[in-house]
Amino acid sequence: MKSTNYNKISEELVNSFNEEMTCELAKRLEDENYASPFDGLKDWHLLRALAINRPELTSNYIHLLDQEPFDEN
């Protein structure tokens, strides 16, 4: 099981992603085969950052993100 080694989601990291990398990330999230819940959470946060900053890469994977409305106040 390969998971990300990204400790910090930076603009550089988000901009380095392409369609193939995004597909691999989504596959890991769909498979949910992580050594720890924290590894899955890291990938989820990365996909969320991609959805916000590079939506063209994530349109096929938006179902993996929790889109429930919530109040941040």
PDB file of N, CA and C in Angstrom:
ATOM      1  N   MET A   1       0.847  -1.183   0.000  1.00  0.00           N
ATOM      2  CA  MET A   1       0.000   0.000   0.000  1.00  0.00           C
ATOM      3  C   MET A   1       0.878   1.228   0.000  1.00  0.00           C
ATOM      4  N   LYS A   2       0.733   2.022  -0.994  1.00  0.00           N
ATOM      5  CA  LYS A   2       1.500   3.249  -1.125  1.00  0.00           C
ATOM      6  C   LYS A   2       0.637   4.417  -0.687  1.00  0.00           C
ATOM      7  N   SER A   3       1.151   5.226   0.204  1.00  0.00           N
ATOM      8  CA  SER A   3       0.426   6.435   0.596  1.00  0.00           C
ATOM      9  C   SER A   3       1.341   7.623   0.385  1.00  0.00           C
ATOM     10  N   THR A   4       0.787   8.794   0.515  1.00  0.00           N
ATOM     11  CA  THR A   4       1.561  10.002   0.280  1.00  0.00           C
ATOM     12  C   THR A   4       2.553  10.240   1.406  1.00  0.00           C
ATOM     13  N   ASN A   5       3.641  10.862   1.052  1.00  0.00           N
ATOM     14  CA  ASN A   5       4.637  11.264   2.040  1.00  0.00           C
ATOM     15  C   ASN A   5       4.611  12.771   2.215  1.00  0.00           C
ATOM     16  N   TYR A   6       3.505  13.397   1.872  1.00  0.00           N
ATOM     17  CA  TYR A   6       3.387  14.841   1.936  1.00  0.00           C
ATOM     18  C   TYR A   6       3.019  15.266   3.344  1.00  0.00           C
ATOM     19  N   ASN A   7       3.908  15.977   3.982  1.00  0.00           N
ATOM     20  CA  ASN A   7       3.633  16.463   5.327  1.00  0.00           C
ATOM     21  C   ASN A   7       2.934  17.807   5.307  1.00  0.00           C
ATOM     22  N   LYS A   8       3.130  18.554   4.246  1.00  0.00           N
ATOM     23  CA  LYS A   8       2.540  19.883   4.145  1.00  0.00           C
ATOM     24  C   LYS A   8       1.997  20.061   2.733  1.00  0.00           C
ATOM     25  N   ILE A   9       0.769  20.497   2.649  1.00  0.00           N
ATOM     26  CA  ILE A   9       0.178  20.743   1.342  1.00  0.00           C
ATOM     27  C   ILE A   9       0.497  22.179   0.953  1.00  0.00           C
ATOM     28  N   SER A  10       1.410  22.315   0.029  1.00  0.00           N
ATOM     29  CA  SER A  10       1.851  23.633  -0.410  1.00  0.00           C
ATOM     30  C   SER A  10       1.293  23.933  -1.799  1.00  0.00           C
ATOM     31  N   GLU A  11       1.370  25.176  -2.169  1.00  0.00           N
ATOM     32  CA  GLU A  11       0.954  25.584  -3.510  1.00  0.00           C
ATOM     33  C   GLU A  11       1.793  24.844  -4.552  1.00  0.00           C
ATOM     34  N   GLU A  12       3.065  24.682  -4.267  1.00  0.00           N
ATOM     35  CA  GLU A  12       3.961  23.970  -5.179  1.00  0.00           C
ATOM     36  C   GLU A  12       3.516  22.518  -5.365  1.00  0.00           C
ATOM     37  N   LEU A  13       3.150  21.866  -4.267  1.00  0.00           N
ATOM     38  CA  LEU A  13       2.688  20.489  -4.346  1.00  0.00           C
ATOM     39  C   LEU A  13       1.409  20.399  -5.179  1.00  0.00           C
ATOM     40  N   VAL A  14       0.446  21.245  -4.887  1.00  0.00           N
ATOM     41  CA  VAL A  14      -0.825  21.237  -5.620  1.00  0.00           C
ATOM     42  C   VAL A  14      -0.578  21.488  -7.102  1.00  0.00           C
ATOM     43  N   ASN A  15       0.290  22.432  -7.423  1.00  0.00           N
ATOM     44  CA  ASN A  15       0.570  22.761  -8.820  1.00  0.00           C
ATOM     45  C   ASN A  15       1.357  21.667  -9.536  1.00  0.00           C
ATOM     46  N   SER A  16       2.013  20.785  -8.779  1.00  0.00           N
ATOM     47  CA  SER A  16       2.787  19.711  -9.403  1.00  0.00           C
ATOM     48  C   SER A  16       1.908  18.543  -9.848  1.00  0.00           C
ATOM     49  N   PHE A  17       0.662  18.505  -9.395  1.00  0.00           N
ATOM     50  CA  PHE A  17      -0.217  17.378  -9.726  1.00  0.00           C
ATOM     51  C   PHE A  17      -0.694  17.440 -11.167  1.00  0.00           C
ATOM     52  N   ASN A  18      -0.821  16.249 -11.757  1.00  0.00           N
ATOM     53  CA  ASN A  18      -1.402  16.115 -13.087  1.00  0.00           C
ATOM     54  C   ASN A  18      -2.544  15.113 -13.008  1.00  0.00           C
ATOM     55  N   GLU A  19      -3.156  14.803 -14.137  1.00  0.00           N
ATOM     56  CA  GLU A  19      -4.314  13.906 -14.137  1.00  0.00           C
ATOM     57  C   GLU A  19      -3.971  12.515 -13.614  1.00  0.00           C
ATOM     58  N   GLU A  20      -2.825  11.995 -14.001  1.00  0.00           N
ATOM     59  CA  GLU A  20      -2.424  10.658 -13.559  1.00  0.00           C
ATOM     60  C   GLU A  20      -2.215  10.604 -12.044  1.00  0.00           C
ATOM     61  N   MET A  21      -1.555  11.599 -11.499  1.00  0.00           N
ATOM     62  CA  MET A  21      -1.311  11.647 -10.056  1.00  0.00           C
ATOM     63  C   MET A  21      -2.631  11.777  -9.292  1.00  0.00           C
ATOM     64  N   THR A  22      -3.541  12.584  -9.820  1.00  0.00           N
ATOM     65  CA  THR A  22      -4.839  12.762  -9.179  1.00  0.00           C
ATOM     66  C   THR A  22      -5.633  11.465  -9.216  1.00  0.00           C
ATOM     67  N   CYS A  23      -5.556  10.747 -10.307  1.00  0.00           N
ATOM     68  CA  CYS A  23      -6.240   9.465 -10.433  1.00  0.00           C
ATOM     69  C   CYS A  23      -5.696   8.467  -9.411  1.00  0.00           C
ATOM     70  N   GLU A  24      -4.387   8.423  -9.236  1.00  0.00           N
ATOM     71  CA  GLU A  24      -3.775   7.528  -8.246  1.00  0.00           C
ATOM     72  C   GLU A  24      -4.221   7.889  -6.829  1.00  0.00           C
ATOM     73  N   LEU A  25      -4.277   9.173  -6.547  1.00  0.00           N
ATOM     74  CA  LEU A  25      -4.739   9.651  -5.243  1.00  0.00           C
ATOM     75  C   LEU A  25      -6.186   9.218  -5.001  1.00  0.00           C
ATOM     76  N   ALA A  26      -7.038   9.402  -5.994  1.00  0.00           N
ATOM     77  CA  ALA A  26      -8.447   9.024  -5.869  1.00  0.00           C
ATOM     78  C   ALA A  26      -8.592   7.515  -5.699  1.00  0.00           C
ATOM     79  N   LYS A  27      -7.793   6.753  -6.398  1.00  0.00           N
ATOM     80  CA  LYS A  27      -7.862   5.292  -6.269  1.00  0.00           C
ATOM     81  C   LYS A  27      -7.511   4.863  -4.846  1.00  0.00           C
ATOM     82  N   ARG A  28      -6.491   5.472  -4.271  1.00  0.00           N
ATOM     83  CA  ARG A  28      -6.134   5.142  -2.886  1.00  0.00           C
ATOM     84  C   ARG A  28      -7.293   5.449  -1.949  1.00  0.00           C
ATOM     85  N   LEU A  29      -7.927   6.597  -2.159  1.00  0.00           N
ATOM     86  CA  LEU A  29      -9.053   6.977  -1.308  1.00  0.00           C
ATOM     87  C   LEU A  29     -10.237   6.020  -1.489  1.00  0.00           C
ATOM     88  N   GLU A  30     -10.493   5.617  -2.711  1.00  0.00           N
ATOM     89  CA  GLU A  30     -11.586   4.675  -2.958  1.00  0.00           C
ATOM     90  C   GLU A  30     -11.304   3.314  -2.347  1.00  0.00           C
ATOM     91  N   ASP A  31     -10.057   2.868  -2.415  1.00  0.00           N
ATOM     92  CA  ASP A  31      -9.676   1.557  -1.876  1.00  0.00           C
ATOM     93  C   ASP A  31      -9.685   1.533  -0.357  1.00  0.00           C
ATOM     94  N   GLU A  32      -9.465   2.689   0.272  1.00  0.00           N
ATOM     95  CA  GLU A  32      -9.447   2.812   1.738  1.00  0.00           C
ATOM     96  C   GLU A  32      -8.560   1.759   2.398  1.00  0.00           C
ATOM     97  N   ASN A  33      -7.396   1.540   1.843  1.00  0.00           N
ATOM     98  CA  ASN A  33      -6.468   0.534   2.359  1.00  0.00           C
ATOM     99  C   ASN A  33      -5.228   1.241   2.912  1.00  0.00           C
ATOM    100  N   TYR A  34      -5.405   1.884   4.040  1.00  0.00           N
ATOM    101  CA  TYR A  34      -4.332   2.669   4.650  1.00  0.00           C
ATOM    102  C   TYR A  34      -3.819   1.991   5.909  1.00  0.00           C
ATOM    103  N   ALA A  35      -2.550   2.201   6.183  1.00  0.00           N
ATOM    104  CA  ALA A  35      -1.940   1.647   7.404  1.00  0.00           C
ATOM    105  C   ALA A  35      -2.548   2.298   8.651  1.00  0.00           C
ATOM    106  N   SER A  36      -2.920   3.564   8.538  1.00  0.00           N
ATOM    107  CA  SER A  36      -3.547   4.260   9.655  1.00  0.00           C
ATOM    108  C   SER A  36      -4.595   5.230   9.108  1.00  0.00           C
ATOM    109  N   PRO A  37      -5.571   5.594   9.916  1.00  0.00           N
ATOM    110  CA  PRO A  37      -6.580   6.562   9.470  1.00  0.00           C
ATOM    111  C   PRO A  37      -5.958   7.906   9.094  1.00  0.00           C
ATOM    112  N   PHE A  38      -4.838   8.220   9.699  1.00  0.00           N
ATOM    113  CA  PHE A  38      -4.192   9.499   9.433  1.00  0.00           C
ATOM    114  C   PHE A  38      -3.636   9.565   8.014  1.00  0.00           C
ATOM    115  N   ASP A  39      -3.181   8.421   7.481  1.00  0.00           N
ATOM    116  CA  ASP A  39      -2.709   8.391   6.100  1.00  0.00           C
ATOM    117  C   ASP A  39      -3.852   8.700   5.140  1.00  0.00           C
ATOM    118  N   GLY A  40      -5.019   8.124   5.404  1.00  0.00           N
ATOM    119  CA  GLY A  40      -6.187   8.412   4.584  1.00  0.00           C
ATOM    120  C   GLY A  40      -6.612   9.862   4.695  1.00  0.00           C
ATOM    121  N   LEU A  41      -6.533  10.400   5.890  1.00  0.00           N
ATOM    122  CA  LEU A  41      -6.896  11.793   6.103  1.00  0.00           C
ATOM    123  C   LEU A  41      -5.951  12.730   5.346  1.00  0.00           C
ATOM    124  N   LYS A  42      -4.677  12.403   5.300  1.00  0.00           N
ATOM    125  CA  LYS A  42      -3.717  13.216   4.533  1.00  0.00           C
ATOM    126  C   LYS A  42      -4.103  13.246   3.055  1.00  0.00           C
ATOM    127  N   ASP A  43      -4.433  12.066   2.514  1.00  0.00           N
ATOM    128  CA  ASP A  43      -4.836  12.011   1.106  1.00  0.00           C
ATOM    129  C   ASP A  43      -6.126  12.785   0.887  1.00  0.00           C
ATOM    130  N   TRP A  44      -7.077  12.671   1.833  1.00  0.00           N
ATOM    131  CA  TRP A  44      -8.340  13.387   1.695  1.00  0.00           C
ATOM    132  C   TRP A  44      -8.100  14.895   1.676  1.00  0.00           C
ATOM    133  N   HIS A  45      -7.231  15.384   2.545  1.00  0.00           N
ATOM    134  CA  HIS A  45      -6.927  16.820   2.580  1.00  0.00           C
ATOM    135  C   HIS A  45      -6.242  17.258   1.288  1.00  0.00           C
ATOM    136  N   LEU A  46      -5.402  16.401   0.745  1.00  0.00           N
ATOM    137  CA  LEU A  46      -4.741  16.729  -0.508  1.00  0.00           C
ATOM    138  C   LEU A  46      -5.764  16.799  -1.643  1.00  0.00           C
ATOM    139  N   LEU A  47      -6.688  15.842  -1.711  1.00  0.00           N
ATOM    140  CA  LEU A  47      -7.718  15.887  -2.747  1.00  0.00           C
ATOM    141  C   LEU A  47      -8.588  17.129  -2.579  1.00  0.00           C
ATOM    142  N   ARG A  48      -8.877  17.484  -1.347  1.00  0.00           N
ATOM    143  CA  ARG A  48      -9.676  18.693  -1.078  1.00  0.00           C
ATOM    144  C   ARG A  48      -8.936  19.949  -1.557  1.00  0.00           C
ATOM    145  N   ALA A  49      -7.633  20.017  -1.295  1.00  0.00           N
ATOM    146  CA  ALA A  49      -6.837  21.156  -1.767  1.00  0.00           C
ATOM    147  C   ALA A  49      -6.826  21.205  -3.298  1.00  0.00           C
ATOM    148  N   LEU A  50      -6.739  20.047  -3.918  1.00  0.00           N
ATOM    149  CA  LEU A  50      -6.784  20.007  -5.380  1.00  0.00           C
ATOM    150  C   LEU A  50      -8.151  20.462  -5.890  1.00  0.00           C
ATOM    151  N   ALA A  51      -9.222  20.042  -5.222  1.00  0.00           N
ATOM    152  CA  ALA A  51     -10.566  20.425  -5.644  1.00  0.00           C
ATOM    153  C   ALA A  51     -10.763  21.934  -5.554  1.00  0.00           C
ATOM    154  N   ILE A  52     -10.163  22.550  -4.572  1.00  0.00           N
ATOM    155  CA  ILE A  52     -10.287  23.998  -4.391  1.00  0.00           C
ATOM    156  C   ILE A  52      -9.419  24.753  -5.390  1.00  0.00           C
ATOM    157  N   ASN A  53      -8.183  24.299  -5.562  1.00  0.00           N
ATOM    158  CA  ASN A  53      -7.206  25.044  -6.356  1.00  0.00           C
ATOM    159  C   ASN A  53      -7.053  24.564  -7.794  1.00  0.00           C
ATOM    160  N   ARG A  54      -7.395  23.310  -8.047  1.00  0.00           N
ATOM    161  CA  ARG A  54      -7.255  22.737  -9.399  1.00  0.00           C
ATOM    162  C   ARG A  54      -8.489  21.904  -9.720  1.00  0.00           C
ATOM    163  N   PRO A  55      -9.665  22.499  -9.717  1.00  0.00           N
ATOM    164  CA  PRO A  55     -10.899  21.729  -9.884  1.00  0.00           C
ATOM    165  C   PRO A  55     -10.954  20.933 -11.187  1.00  0.00           C
ATOM    166  N   GLU A  56     -10.229  21.357 -12.188  1.00  0.00           N
ATOM    167  CA  GLU A  56     -10.219  20.627 -13.456  1.00  0.00           C
ATOM    168  C   GLU A  56      -9.648  19.213 -13.300  1.00  0.00           C
ATOM    169  N   LEU A  57      -8.847  19.001 -12.257  1.00  0.00           N
ATOM    170  CA  LEU A  57      -8.260  17.684 -12.016  1.00  0.00           C
ATOM    171  C   LEU A  57      -9.163  16.771 -11.199  1.00  0.00           C
ATOM    172  N   THR A  58     -10.123  17.332 -10.507  1.00  0.00           N
ATOM    173  CA  THR A  58     -10.880  16.540  -9.536  1.00  0.00           C
ATOM    174  C   THR A  58     -12.355  16.356  -9.880  1.00  0.00           C
ATOM    175  N   SER A  59     -12.790  16.833 -11.013  1.00  0.00           N
ATOM    176  CA  SER A  59     -14.221  16.763 -11.326  1.00  0.00           C
ATOM    177  C   SER A  59     -14.756  15.330 -11.317  1.00  0.00           C
ATOM    178  N   ASN A  60     -13.945  14.351 -11.653  1.00  0.00           N
ATOM    179  CA  ASN A  60     -14.393  12.953 -11.647  1.00  0.00           C
ATOM    180  C   ASN A  60     -14.349  12.317 -10.265  1.00  0.00           C
ATOM    181  N   TYR A  61     -13.785  13.002  -9.287  1.00  0.00           N
ATOM    182  CA  TYR A  61     -13.565  12.408  -7.964  1.00  0.00           C
ATOM    183  C   TYR A  61     -14.243  13.179  -6.839  1.00  0.00           C
ATOM    184  N   ILE A  62     -15.074  14.121  -7.187  1.00  0.00           N
ATOM    185  CA  ILE A  62     -15.697  14.980  -6.185  1.00  0.00           C
ATOM    186  C   ILE A  62     -16.552  14.169  -5.212  1.00  0.00           C
ATOM    187  N   HIS A  63     -17.010  13.000  -5.627  1.00  0.00           N
ATOM    188  CA  HIS A  63     -17.812  12.145  -4.749  1.00  0.00           C
ATOM    189  C   HIS A  63     -17.015  11.652  -3.542  1.00  0.00           C
ATOM    190  N   LEU A  64     -15.699  11.738  -3.611  1.00  0.00           N
ATOM    191  CA  LEU A  64     -14.851  11.293  -2.504  1.00  0.00           C
ATOM    192  C   LEU A  64     -14.745  12.338  -1.396  1.00  0.00           C
ATOM    193  N   LEU A  65     -15.197  13.532  -1.674  1.00  0.00           N
ATOM    194  CA  LEU A  65     -15.140  14.603  -0.682  1.00  0.00           C
ATOM    195  C   LEU A  65     -16.499  14.778  -0.030  1.00  0.00           C
ATOM    196  N   ASP A  66     -16.492  15.027   1.240  1.00  0.00           N
ATOM    197  CA  ASP A  66     -17.730  15.264   1.976  1.00  0.00           C
ATOM    198  C   ASP A  66     -18.241  16.637   1.593  1.00  0.00           C
ATOM    199  N   GLN A  67     -19.358  16.686   0.937  1.00  0.00           N
ATOM    200  CA  GLN A  67     -19.910  17.956   0.468  1.00  0.00           C
ATOM    201  C   GLN A  67     -21.092  18.414   1.300  1.00  0.00           C
ATOM    202  N   GLU A  68     -21.203  17.921   2.507  1.00  0.00           N
ATOM    203  CA  GLU A  68     -22.296  18.316   3.382  1.00  0.00           C
ATOM    204  C   GLU A  68     -22.137  19.786   3.790  1.00  0.00           C
ATOM    205  N   PRO A  69     -23.205  20.543   3.723  1.00  0.00           N
ATOM    206  CA  PRO A  69     -23.106  21.937   4.191  1.00  0.00           C
ATOM    207  C   PRO A  69     -22.895  21.986   5.702  1.00  0.00           C
ATOM    208  N   PHE A  70     -22.094  22.912   6.142  1.00  0.00           N
ATOM    209  CA  PHE A  70     -21.858  23.070   7.573  1.00  0.00           C
ATOM    210  C   PHE A  70     -21.600  24.528   7.886  1.00  0.00           C
ATOM    211  N   ASP A  71     -21.784  24.857   9.132  1.00  0.00           N
ATOM    212  CA  ASP A  71     -21.600  26.218   9.604  1.00  0.00           C
ATOM    213  C   ASP A  71     -20.271  26.293  10.346  1.00  0.00           C
ATOM    214  N   GLU A  72     -19.350  27.101   9.842  1.00  0.00           N
ATOM    215  CA  GLU A  72     -18.038  27.227  10.460  1.00  0.00           C
ATOM    216  C   GLU A  72     -18.021  28.247  11.598  1.00  0.00           C
ATOM    217  N   ASN A  73     -19.114  28.933  11.819  1.00  0.00           N
ATOM    218  CA  ASN A  73     -19.138  29.973  12.850  1.00  0.00           C
ATOM    219  C   ASN A  73     -19.263  29.379  14.234  1.00  0.00           C
TER     220      ASN A  73
END
